[in-house]
Amino acid sequence: MLAGVAGLVLLVMAAVRFVGLLEESSQRTSAPTSFVAIRDESESISITIPVEWGDASSSGWIIDGREVGPAVTVASNVEAWYSNWGTPGAFIGVSTTGVVPERGDFSRVCTRGDTVERSMEVLSGTVQFWSDCGDGAADFYVFFGGSADGSYAVLVELVSIDGAGLSTLDRLLTTFSFTP
């Protein structure tokens, strides 16, 4: 009888832990549900972002001490996005000068994943996927591509902590527009 009660208690504890894991998993993989269109300070970049990324910083994109075009960073907290891997958000930069940025090697802080081609209506290029970034909670996507006519290059760096990074990146890329 006592063994049966102990078994039942263990079964209930396992069920509670399983439900907790399911809730944790569903929170990590829930995609943003609401999006809003924004423009950078120069009003040349337009993009649709998750409404949770309400903090934005816009400036010229500087590579090797030279401004190459406009850029915007969006996140739930831009300052935190630049300082740690636990803040979701994205950097979007457009180079109109022909200067191509380094794509970066993040293997010291992330695990390298697949590289996939992406072709949208306005942009086409490649996405390098990185996982387990920082404390292991973040995914990182680096898109590099450009316009069909080759008049500008685009770099998008996206940090995701909810498991919906690729779909969020696709949303950014399909809603991206640039007016020089």
N, C-alpha and C. Protein backbone atom coordinates (compact mmCIF):
# COMPACT_ATOMS: atom_id res chain seq x y z
N MET A 1 0.82 -1.19 0.00
CA MET A 1 0.00 0.00 0.00
C MET A 1 0.87 1.26 0.00
N LEU A 2 1.88 1.27 0.87
CA LEU A 2 2.78 2.41 0.98
C LEU A 2 3.54 2.62 -0.34
N ALA A 3 3.96 1.52 -0.97
CA ALA A 3 4.66 1.62 -2.26
C ALA A 3 3.74 2.21 -3.31
N GLY A 4 2.45 1.86 -3.26
CA GLY A 4 1.48 2.40 -4.22
C GLY A 4 1.29 3.89 -4.04
N VAL A 5 1.22 4.38 -2.80
CA VAL A 5 1.07 5.80 -2.52
C VAL A 5 2.33 6.55 -2.97
N ALA A 6 3.50 5.99 -2.66
CA ALA A 6 4.76 6.62 -3.07
C ALA A 6 4.84 6.71 -4.59
N GLY A 7 4.41 5.66 -5.27
CA GLY A 7 4.40 5.66 -6.73
C GLY A 7 3.46 6.72 -7.27
N LEU A 8 2.30 6.86 -6.65
CA LEU A 8 1.32 7.85 -7.07
C LEU A 8 1.88 9.26 -6.87
N VAL A 9 2.55 9.51 -5.75
CA VAL A 9 3.16 10.81 -5.48
C VAL A 9 4.22 11.12 -6.53
N LEU A 10 5.06 10.14 -6.85
CA LEU A 10 6.08 10.34 -7.88
C LEU A 10 5.45 10.62 -9.24
N LEU A 11 4.38 9.92 -9.56
CA LEU A 11 3.68 10.12 -10.82
C LEU A 11 3.10 11.54 -10.90
N VAL A 12 2.51 12.02 -9.81
CA VAL A 12 1.95 13.37 -9.78
C VAL A 12 3.06 14.40 -9.91
N MET A 13 4.19 14.18 -9.22
CA MET A 13 5.32 15.11 -9.31
C MET A 13 5.86 15.16 -10.74
N ALA A 14 5.94 14.02 -11.39
CA ALA A 14 6.42 13.97 -12.78
C ALA A 14 5.45 14.70 -13.69
N ALA A 15 4.15 14.53 -13.47
CA ALA A 15 3.15 15.21 -14.29
C ALA A 15 3.23 16.71 -14.12
N VAL A 16 3.42 17.19 -12.89
CA VAL A 16 3.54 18.62 -12.64
C VAL A 16 4.79 19.16 -13.34
N ARG A 17 5.91 18.45 -13.25
CA ARG A 17 7.15 18.88 -13.91
C ARG A 17 6.97 18.89 -15.43
N PHE A 18 6.28 17.88 -15.99
CA PHE A 18 6.04 17.81 -17.42
C PHE A 18 5.19 19.00 -17.88
N VAL A 19 4.14 19.33 -17.13
CA VAL A 19 3.29 20.48 -17.47
C VAL A 19 4.12 21.76 -17.42
N GLY A 20 4.99 21.88 -16.41
CA GLY A 20 5.87 23.05 -16.32
C GLY A 20 6.79 23.16 -17.52
N LEU A 21 7.34 22.03 -17.96
CA LEU A 21 8.21 22.03 -19.14
C LEU A 21 7.43 22.42 -20.38
N LEU A 22 6.20 21.92 -20.51
CA LEU A 22 5.36 22.29 -21.66
C LEU A 22 5.09 23.78 -21.67
N GLU A 23 4.76 24.35 -20.50
CA GLU A 23 4.50 25.79 -20.43
C GLU A 23 5.75 26.58 -20.79
N GLU A 24 6.91 26.15 -20.26
CA GLU A 24 8.18 26.79 -20.56
C GLU A 24 8.46 26.73 -22.05
N SER A 25 8.24 25.57 -22.66
CA SER A 25 8.47 25.38 -24.08
C SER A 25 7.54 26.23 -24.92
N SER A 26 6.28 26.32 -24.55
CA SER A 26 5.34 27.10 -25.34
C SER A 26 5.65 28.59 -25.25
N GLN A 27 6.18 29.03 -24.10
CA GLN A 27 6.56 30.43 -23.97
C GLN A 27 7.76 30.72 -24.86
N ARG A 28 8.69 29.78 -24.97
CA ARG A 28 9.91 29.98 -25.75
C ARG A 28 9.65 29.95 -27.25
N THR A 29 8.62 29.25 -27.69
CA THR A 29 8.39 29.12 -29.12
C THR A 29 7.20 29.93 -29.62
N SER A 30 6.64 30.80 -28.79
CA SER A 30 5.51 31.58 -29.26
C SER A 30 6.01 32.75 -30.10
N ALA A 31 5.49 32.86 -31.29
CA ALA A 31 5.90 33.91 -32.22
C ALA A 31 5.20 35.22 -31.87
N PRO A 32 5.82 36.33 -32.22
CA PRO A 32 5.14 37.61 -32.02
C PRO A 32 3.81 37.61 -32.76
N THR A 33 2.81 38.21 -32.17
CA THR A 33 1.48 38.19 -32.78
C THR A 33 1.08 39.53 -33.37
N SER A 34 1.72 40.58 -32.95
CA SER A 34 1.35 41.90 -33.40
C SER A 34 2.58 42.62 -33.96
N PHE A 35 2.42 43.24 -35.12
CA PHE A 35 3.52 43.92 -35.78
C PHE A 35 3.14 45.37 -36.07
N VAL A 36 4.17 46.21 -36.20
CA VAL A 36 3.95 47.62 -36.49
C VAL A 36 5.01 48.07 -37.50
N ALA A 37 4.62 48.93 -38.42
CA ALA A 37 5.55 49.46 -39.43
C ALA A 37 6.29 50.65 -38.83
N ILE A 38 7.60 50.70 -39.09
CA ILE A 38 8.41 51.83 -38.62
C ILE A 38 9.29 52.31 -39.76
N ARG A 39 9.84 53.51 -39.59
CA ARG A 39 10.81 54.08 -40.52
C ARG A 39 12.03 54.53 -39.72
N ASP A 40 13.18 54.51 -40.38
CA ASP A 40 14.37 55.03 -39.72
C ASP A 40 14.31 56.55 -39.71
N GLU A 41 15.27 57.17 -39.06
CA GLU A 41 15.31 58.63 -38.92
C GLU A 41 15.35 59.35 -40.27
N SER A 42 16.05 58.79 -41.25
CA SER A 42 16.15 59.43 -42.56
C SER A 42 14.92 59.14 -43.43
N GLU A 43 14.05 58.28 -42.93
CA GLU A 43 12.83 57.85 -43.61
C GLU A 43 13.11 57.12 -44.92
N SER A 44 14.28 56.51 -45.02
CA SER A 44 14.60 55.76 -46.23
C SER A 44 14.38 54.25 -46.03
N ILE A 45 14.47 53.78 -44.78
CA ILE A 45 14.21 52.36 -44.47
C ILE A 45 12.82 52.26 -43.85
N SER A 46 12.02 51.35 -44.38
CA SER A 46 10.72 51.05 -43.80
C SER A 46 10.67 49.55 -43.57
N ILE A 47 10.15 49.14 -42.42
CA ILE A 47 10.13 47.72 -42.07
C ILE A 47 9.04 47.48 -41.02
N THR A 48 8.50 46.27 -41.01
CA THR A 48 7.50 45.91 -40.01
C THR A 48 8.17 45.03 -38.95
N ILE A 49 7.99 45.43 -37.68
CA ILE A 49 8.67 44.76 -36.57
C ILE A 49 7.63 44.30 -35.54
N PRO A 50 7.99 43.34 -34.68
CA PRO A 50 7.10 42.97 -33.57
C PRO A 50 6.85 44.19 -32.68
N VAL A 51 5.62 44.39 -32.27
CA VAL A 51 5.26 45.55 -31.46
C VAL A 51 6.05 45.59 -30.16
N GLU A 52 6.50 44.42 -29.68
CA GLU A 52 7.28 44.36 -28.45
C GLU A 52 8.64 45.04 -28.61
N TRP A 53 9.09 45.23 -29.83
CA TRP A 53 10.37 45.88 -30.09
C TRP A 53 10.17 47.39 -30.24
N GLY A 54 9.55 48.00 -29.28
CA GLY A 54 9.15 49.40 -29.35
C GLY A 54 10.27 50.41 -29.19
N ASP A 55 11.47 49.99 -28.84
CA ASP A 55 12.59 50.90 -28.68
C ASP A 55 13.40 50.88 -29.98
N ALA A 56 13.72 52.05 -30.52
CA ALA A 56 14.45 52.12 -31.79
C ALA A 56 15.55 53.17 -31.72
N SER A 57 16.62 52.89 -32.43
CA SER A 57 17.73 53.83 -32.56
C SER A 57 18.11 53.88 -34.03
N SER A 58 18.15 55.07 -34.57
CA SER A 58 18.42 55.22 -36.00
C SER A 58 19.61 56.14 -36.19
N SER A 59 20.48 55.76 -37.13
CA SER A 59 21.65 56.58 -37.41
C SER A 59 22.24 56.15 -38.74
N GLY A 60 23.35 56.74 -39.07
CA GLY A 60 24.09 56.29 -40.24
C GLY A 60 24.83 55.01 -39.88
N TRP A 61 24.99 54.14 -40.86
CA TRP A 61 25.71 52.88 -40.65
C TRP A 61 27.18 53.15 -40.92
N ILE A 62 28.01 52.95 -39.90
CA ILE A 62 29.44 53.23 -39.99
C ILE A 62 30.21 51.92 -40.13
N ILE A 63 31.02 51.80 -41.17
CA ILE A 63 31.91 50.65 -41.37
C ILE A 63 33.31 51.20 -41.58
N ASP A 64 34.26 50.75 -40.77
CA ASP A 64 35.65 51.21 -40.85
C ASP A 64 35.75 52.74 -40.84
N GLY A 65 34.97 53.38 -39.98
CA GLY A 65 35.03 54.82 -39.83
C GLY A 65 34.35 55.62 -40.92
N ARG A 66 33.65 54.94 -41.81
CA ARG A 66 33.00 55.63 -42.94
C ARG A 66 31.51 55.31 -42.96
N GLU A 67 30.69 56.35 -43.12
CA GLU A 67 29.25 56.12 -43.21
C GLU A 67 28.92 55.55 -44.59
N VAL A 68 28.25 54.39 -44.60
CA VAL A 68 27.95 53.72 -45.86
C VAL A 68 26.47 53.75 -46.23
N GLY A 69 25.63 54.21 -45.29
CA GLY A 69 24.20 54.28 -45.55
C GLY A 69 23.42 54.35 -44.24
N PRO A 70 22.10 54.30 -44.32
CA PRO A 70 21.28 54.40 -43.12
C PRO A 70 21.20 53.06 -42.37
N ALA A 71 20.83 53.16 -41.09
CA ALA A 71 20.65 51.96 -40.27
C ALA A 71 19.64 52.24 -39.17
N VAL A 72 19.02 51.18 -38.71
CA VAL A 72 18.10 51.27 -37.57
C VAL A 72 18.26 50.01 -36.73
N THR A 73 18.24 50.18 -35.42
CA THR A 73 18.25 49.06 -34.48
C THR A 73 16.93 49.12 -33.72
N VAL A 74 16.25 47.99 -33.64
CA VAL A 74 14.97 47.91 -32.93
C VAL A 74 15.03 46.75 -31.94
N ALA A 75 14.47 46.96 -30.77
CA ALA A 75 14.48 45.93 -29.73
C ALA A 75 13.50 46.32 -28.63
N SER A 76 13.31 45.42 -27.71
CA SER A 76 12.52 45.78 -26.54
C SER A 76 13.29 46.80 -25.71
N ASN A 77 14.64 46.75 -25.80
CA ASN A 77 15.52 47.71 -25.16
C ASN A 77 16.81 47.73 -25.97
N VAL A 78 17.02 48.76 -26.77
CA VAL A 78 18.16 48.82 -27.69
C VAL A 78 19.48 48.74 -26.94
N GLU A 79 19.62 49.46 -25.85
CA GLU A 79 20.87 49.43 -25.09
C GLU A 79 21.18 48.01 -24.60
N ALA A 80 20.17 47.31 -24.10
CA ALA A 80 20.35 45.92 -23.64
C ALA A 80 20.65 45.00 -24.83
N TRP A 81 20.04 45.27 -25.99
CA TRP A 81 20.28 44.44 -27.18
C TRP A 81 21.76 44.47 -27.56
N TYR A 82 22.37 45.65 -27.47
CA TYR A 82 23.79 45.78 -27.81
C TYR A 82 24.71 45.17 -26.75
N SER A 83 24.22 45.00 -25.52
CA SER A 83 25.11 44.56 -24.46
C SER A 83 24.95 43.10 -24.04
N ASN A 84 23.87 42.42 -24.45
CA ASN A 84 23.72 41.01 -24.05
C ASN A 84 22.85 40.25 -25.05
N TRP A 85 22.90 38.93 -24.97
CA TRP A 85 22.16 38.06 -25.89
C TRP A 85 20.72 37.82 -25.45
N GLY A 86 20.31 38.31 -24.31
CA GLY A 86 18.98 38.01 -23.79
C GLY A 86 17.88 38.95 -24.23
N THR A 87 18.18 39.88 -25.11
CA THR A 87 17.19 40.87 -25.54
C THR A 87 16.87 40.68 -27.02
N PRO A 88 15.63 40.37 -27.36
CA PRO A 88 15.27 40.20 -28.77
C PRO A 88 15.26 41.54 -29.51
N GLY A 89 15.65 41.48 -30.77
CA GLY A 89 15.65 42.69 -31.58
C GLY A 89 16.46 42.48 -32.84
N ALA A 90 16.66 43.57 -33.59
CA ALA A 90 17.38 43.46 -34.85
C ALA A 90 18.07 44.76 -35.22
N PHE A 91 19.16 44.61 -35.96
CA PHE A 91 19.86 45.71 -36.61
C PHE A 91 19.60 45.56 -38.09
N ILE A 92 19.25 46.65 -38.75
CA ILE A 92 19.04 46.65 -40.19
C ILE A 92 19.89 47.78 -40.77
N GLY A 93 20.85 47.44 -41.62
CA GLY A 93 21.71 48.44 -42.23
C GLY A 93 21.69 48.31 -43.74
N VAL A 94 21.71 49.44 -44.43
CA VAL A 94 21.70 49.47 -45.89
C VAL A 94 22.97 50.19 -46.36
N SER A 95 23.77 49.51 -47.17
CA SER A 95 24.97 50.11 -47.74
C SER A 95 24.69 50.53 -49.18
N THR A 96 24.85 51.82 -49.43
CA THR A 96 24.62 52.35 -50.77
C THR A 96 25.94 52.72 -51.46
N THR A 97 27.06 52.43 -50.79
CA THR A 97 28.36 52.87 -51.29
C THR A 97 29.18 51.76 -51.92
N GLY A 98 28.65 50.54 -51.91
CA GLY A 98 29.41 49.41 -52.43
C GLY A 98 30.31 48.77 -51.38
N VAL A 99 30.41 49.38 -50.19
CA VAL A 99 31.20 48.80 -49.11
C VAL A 99 30.41 47.62 -48.55
N VAL A 100 31.06 46.47 -48.51
CA VAL A 100 30.42 45.25 -48.01
C VAL A 100 30.99 44.94 -46.62
N PRO A 101 30.13 44.79 -45.63
CA PRO A 101 30.62 44.55 -44.27
C PRO A 101 31.08 43.10 -44.08
N GLU A 102 31.89 42.91 -43.06
CA GLU A 102 32.24 41.56 -42.64
C GLU A 102 30.97 40.92 -42.06
N ARG A 103 30.77 39.66 -42.35
CA ARG A 103 29.57 38.99 -41.83
C ARG A 103 29.75 38.55 -40.39
N GLY A 104 30.96 38.41 -39.95
CA GLY A 104 31.23 38.08 -38.56
C GLY A 104 31.29 36.60 -38.28
N ASP A 105 32.16 36.25 -37.36
CA ASP A 105 32.28 34.87 -36.88
C ASP A 105 31.92 34.90 -35.40
N PHE A 106 30.81 34.29 -35.07
CA PHE A 106 30.30 34.31 -33.70
C PHE A 106 30.53 32.98 -33.00
N SER A 107 31.45 32.16 -33.52
CA SER A 107 31.65 30.81 -32.99
C SER A 107 32.21 30.79 -31.57
N ARG A 108 32.76 31.88 -31.10
CA ARG A 108 33.23 31.92 -29.70
C ARG A 108 32.07 31.98 -28.72
N VAL A 109 30.93 32.51 -29.14
CA VAL A 109 29.80 32.67 -28.22
C VAL A 109 28.53 31.96 -28.68
N CYS A 110 28.56 31.36 -29.87
CA CYS A 110 27.38 30.69 -30.43
C CYS A 110 27.81 29.39 -31.11
N THR A 111 26.83 28.55 -31.40
CA THR A 111 27.05 27.35 -32.19
C THR A 111 26.60 27.63 -33.62
N ARG A 112 27.49 27.40 -34.57
CA ARG A 112 27.18 27.68 -35.99
C ARG A 112 26.15 26.67 -36.50
N GLY A 113 25.15 27.19 -37.18
CA GLY A 113 24.12 26.34 -37.78
C GLY A 113 24.16 26.43 -39.29
N ASP A 114 23.02 26.17 -39.89
CA ASP A 114 22.91 26.15 -41.34
C ASP A 114 22.97 27.55 -41.95
N THR A 115 23.36 27.58 -43.22
CA THR A 115 23.25 28.77 -44.05
C THR A 115 22.20 28.47 -45.09
N VAL A 116 21.21 29.36 -45.21
CA VAL A 116 20.12 29.13 -46.17
C VAL A 116 19.94 30.35 -47.06
N GLU A 117 19.50 30.09 -48.26
CA GLU A 117 19.19 31.17 -49.21
C GLU A 117 17.79 31.71 -48.90
N ARG A 118 17.65 33.02 -49.05
CA ARG A 118 16.35 33.66 -48.90
C ARG A 118 16.16 34.58 -50.08
N SER A 119 15.01 34.48 -50.72
CA SER A 119 14.69 35.35 -51.83
C SER A 119 13.29 35.89 -51.62
N MET A 120 13.21 37.18 -51.40
CA MET A 120 11.94 37.85 -51.18
C MET A 120 11.66 38.73 -52.40
N GLU A 121 10.56 39.41 -52.36
CA GLU A 121 10.18 40.26 -53.48
C GLU A 121 11.23 41.34 -53.76
N VAL A 122 11.74 41.97 -52.71
CA VAL A 122 12.67 43.09 -52.87
C VAL A 122 14.12 42.67 -52.67
N LEU A 123 14.36 41.71 -51.78
CA LEU A 123 15.71 41.31 -51.40
C LEU A 123 15.98 39.84 -51.67
N SER A 124 17.24 39.53 -51.88
CA SER A 124 17.66 38.13 -51.88
C SER A 124 19.06 38.07 -51.29
N GLY A 125 19.37 36.94 -50.66
CA GLY A 125 20.67 36.78 -50.03
C GLY A 125 20.72 35.49 -49.23
N THR A 126 21.62 35.46 -48.25
CA THR A 126 21.78 34.27 -47.42
C THR A 126 21.58 34.62 -45.95
N VAL A 127 21.13 33.61 -45.21
CA VAL A 127 20.97 33.73 -43.76
C VAL A 127 21.88 32.71 -43.10
N GLN A 128 22.74 33.19 -42.21
CA GLN A 128 23.57 32.30 -41.39
C GLN A 128 22.89 32.19 -40.04
N PHE A 129 22.60 30.97 -39.62
CA PHE A 129 21.95 30.72 -38.34
C PHE A 129 22.97 30.36 -37.28
N TRP A 130 22.85 30.95 -36.11
CA TRP A 130 23.68 30.65 -34.95
C TRP A 130 22.74 30.33 -33.79
N SER A 131 23.08 29.33 -32.97
CA SER A 131 22.24 28.98 -31.82
C SER A 131 23.06 28.99 -30.53
N ASP A 132 22.36 28.85 -29.42
CA ASP A 132 23.00 28.77 -28.10
C ASP A 132 23.94 29.94 -27.84
N CYS A 133 23.53 31.13 -28.23
CA CYS A 133 24.36 32.31 -28.07
C CYS A 133 24.31 32.83 -26.63
N GLY A 134 25.43 33.35 -26.18
CA GLY A 134 25.51 33.88 -24.83
C GLY A 134 25.34 32.76 -23.81
N ASP A 135 24.32 32.85 -23.01
CA ASP A 135 24.04 31.83 -21.99
C ASP A 135 23.30 30.64 -22.58
N GLY A 136 23.18 30.57 -23.89
CA GLY A 136 22.50 29.45 -24.53
C GLY A 136 21.04 29.68 -24.79
N ALA A 137 20.53 30.85 -24.45
CA ALA A 137 19.10 31.11 -24.60
C ALA A 137 18.73 31.77 -25.92
N ALA A 138 19.71 32.26 -26.66
CA ALA A 138 19.39 33.06 -27.84
C ALA A 138 19.80 32.37 -29.14
N ASP A 139 18.99 32.64 -30.16
CA ASP A 139 19.32 32.28 -31.53
C ASP A 139 19.68 33.59 -32.23
N PHE A 140 20.58 33.51 -33.19
CA PHE A 140 21.06 34.69 -33.88
C PHE A 140 21.04 34.41 -35.38
N TYR A 141 20.44 35.31 -36.14
CA TYR A 141 20.32 35.17 -37.59
C TYR A 141 21.02 36.36 -38.24
N VAL A 142 21.89 36.06 -39.21
CA VAL A 142 22.58 37.12 -39.94
C VAL A 142 22.20 36.97 -41.41
N PHE A 143 21.42 37.95 -41.91
CA PHE A 143 21.05 37.98 -43.32
C PHE A 143 21.96 38.97 -44.01
N PHE A 144 22.53 38.55 -45.14
CA PHE A 144 23.27 39.48 -45.98
C PHE A 144 22.81 39.28 -47.41
N GLY A 145 22.40 40.36 -48.02
CA GLY A 145 21.92 40.29 -49.40
C GLY A 145 21.80 41.67 -49.97
N GLY A 146 20.94 41.79 -50.94
CA GLY A 146 20.76 43.09 -51.56
C GLY A 146 19.57 43.13 -52.48
N SER A 147 19.45 44.27 -53.13
CA SER A 147 18.35 44.48 -54.06
C SER A 147 18.61 43.72 -55.35
N ALA A 148 17.54 43.46 -56.09
CA ALA A 148 17.66 42.73 -57.35
C ALA A 148 18.54 43.45 -58.35
N ASP A 149 18.51 44.79 -58.33
CA ASP A 149 19.30 45.55 -59.29
C ASP A 149 20.73 45.82 -58.80
N GLY A 150 21.07 45.37 -57.60
CA GLY A 150 22.42 45.53 -57.07
C GLY A 150 22.77 46.93 -56.61
N SER A 151 21.78 47.80 -56.47
CA SER A 151 22.07 49.18 -56.10
C SER A 151 22.38 49.38 -54.62
N TYR A 152 22.05 48.42 -53.79
CA TYR A 152 22.38 48.51 -52.37
C TYR A 152 22.47 47.11 -51.76
N ALA A 153 23.23 47.04 -50.65
CA ALA A 153 23.38 45.80 -49.88
C ALA A 153 22.68 45.98 -48.54
N VAL A 154 22.19 44.89 -47.97
CA VAL A 154 21.47 44.93 -46.70
C VAL A 154 22.04 43.90 -45.75
N LEU A 155 22.26 44.32 -44.52
CA LEU A 155 22.65 43.43 -43.44
C LEU A 155 21.57 43.49 -42.37
N VAL A 156 21.05 42.33 -41.98
CA VAL A 156 20.10 42.24 -40.87
C VAL A 156 20.67 41.25 -39.87
N GLU A 157 20.80 41.68 -38.63
CA GLU A 157 21.22 40.81 -37.53
C GLU A 157 20.07 40.75 -36.55
N LEU A 158 19.55 39.55 -36.31
CA LEU A 158 18.36 39.39 -35.47
C LEU A 158 18.65 38.43 -34.32
N VAL A 159 18.34 38.87 -33.11
CA VAL A 159 18.44 38.02 -31.92
C VAL A 159 17.02 37.58 -31.56
N SER A 160 16.87 36.28 -31.37
CA SER A 160 15.57 35.71 -31.01
C SER A 160 15.72 34.86 -29.76
N ILE A 161 14.79 35.01 -28.84
CA ILE A 161 14.80 34.18 -27.64
C ILE A 161 13.50 33.39 -27.51
N ASP A 162 12.63 33.49 -28.51
CA ASP A 162 11.33 32.84 -28.43
C ASP A 162 11.16 31.67 -29.40
N GLY A 163 12.21 31.30 -30.11
CA GLY A 163 12.13 30.19 -31.05
C GLY A 163 11.48 30.53 -32.38
N ALA A 164 11.10 31.78 -32.56
CA ALA A 164 10.42 32.19 -33.79
C ALA A 164 11.30 33.09 -34.65
N GLY A 165 12.61 32.97 -34.51
CA GLY A 165 13.52 33.88 -35.19
C GLY A 165 13.44 33.87 -36.70
N LEU A 166 13.39 32.69 -37.31
CA LEU A 166 13.36 32.63 -38.77
C LEU A 166 12.06 33.21 -39.33
N SER A 167 10.94 32.93 -38.70
CA SER A 167 9.69 33.50 -39.19
C SER A 167 9.65 35.01 -38.97
N THR A 168 10.23 35.49 -37.87
CA THR A 168 10.31 36.93 -37.63
C THR A 168 11.24 37.58 -38.65
N LEU A 169 12.38 36.94 -38.94
CA LEU A 169 13.30 37.45 -39.95
C LEU A 169 12.61 37.51 -41.31
N ASP A 170 11.90 36.47 -41.68
CA ASP A 170 11.18 36.47 -42.96
C ASP A 170 10.18 37.62 -43.01
N ARG A 171 9.52 37.89 -41.89
CA ARG A 171 8.56 39.01 -41.84
C ARG A 171 9.29 40.33 -42.06
N LEU A 172 10.46 40.49 -41.41
CA LEU A 172 11.24 41.72 -41.61
C LEU A 172 11.64 41.88 -43.08
N LEU A 173 12.14 40.79 -43.67
CA LEU A 173 12.62 40.85 -45.05
C LEU A 173 11.50 41.09 -46.06
N THR A 174 10.33 40.50 -45.84
CA THR A 174 9.23 40.69 -46.80
C THR A 174 8.59 42.07 -46.69
N THR A 175 8.75 42.72 -45.55
CA THR A 175 8.15 44.05 -45.39
C THR A 175 9.18 45.17 -45.57
N PHE A 176 10.43 44.81 -45.80
CA PHE A 176 11.51 45.79 -45.96
C PHE A 176 11.32 46.59 -47.24
N SER A 177 11.53 47.89 -47.13
CA SER A 177 11.64 48.71 -48.35
C SER A 177 12.68 49.80 -48.09
N PHE A 178 13.32 50.22 -49.16
CA PHE A 178 14.36 51.24 -49.08
C PHE A 178 14.16 52.25 -50.19
N THR A 179 14.17 53.52 -49.80
CA THR A 179 14.08 54.62 -50.75
C THR A 179 15.30 55.50 -50.56
N PRO A 180 16.21 55.53 -51.54
CA PRO A 180 17.44 56.34 -51.39
C PRO A 180 17.16 57.83 -51.29
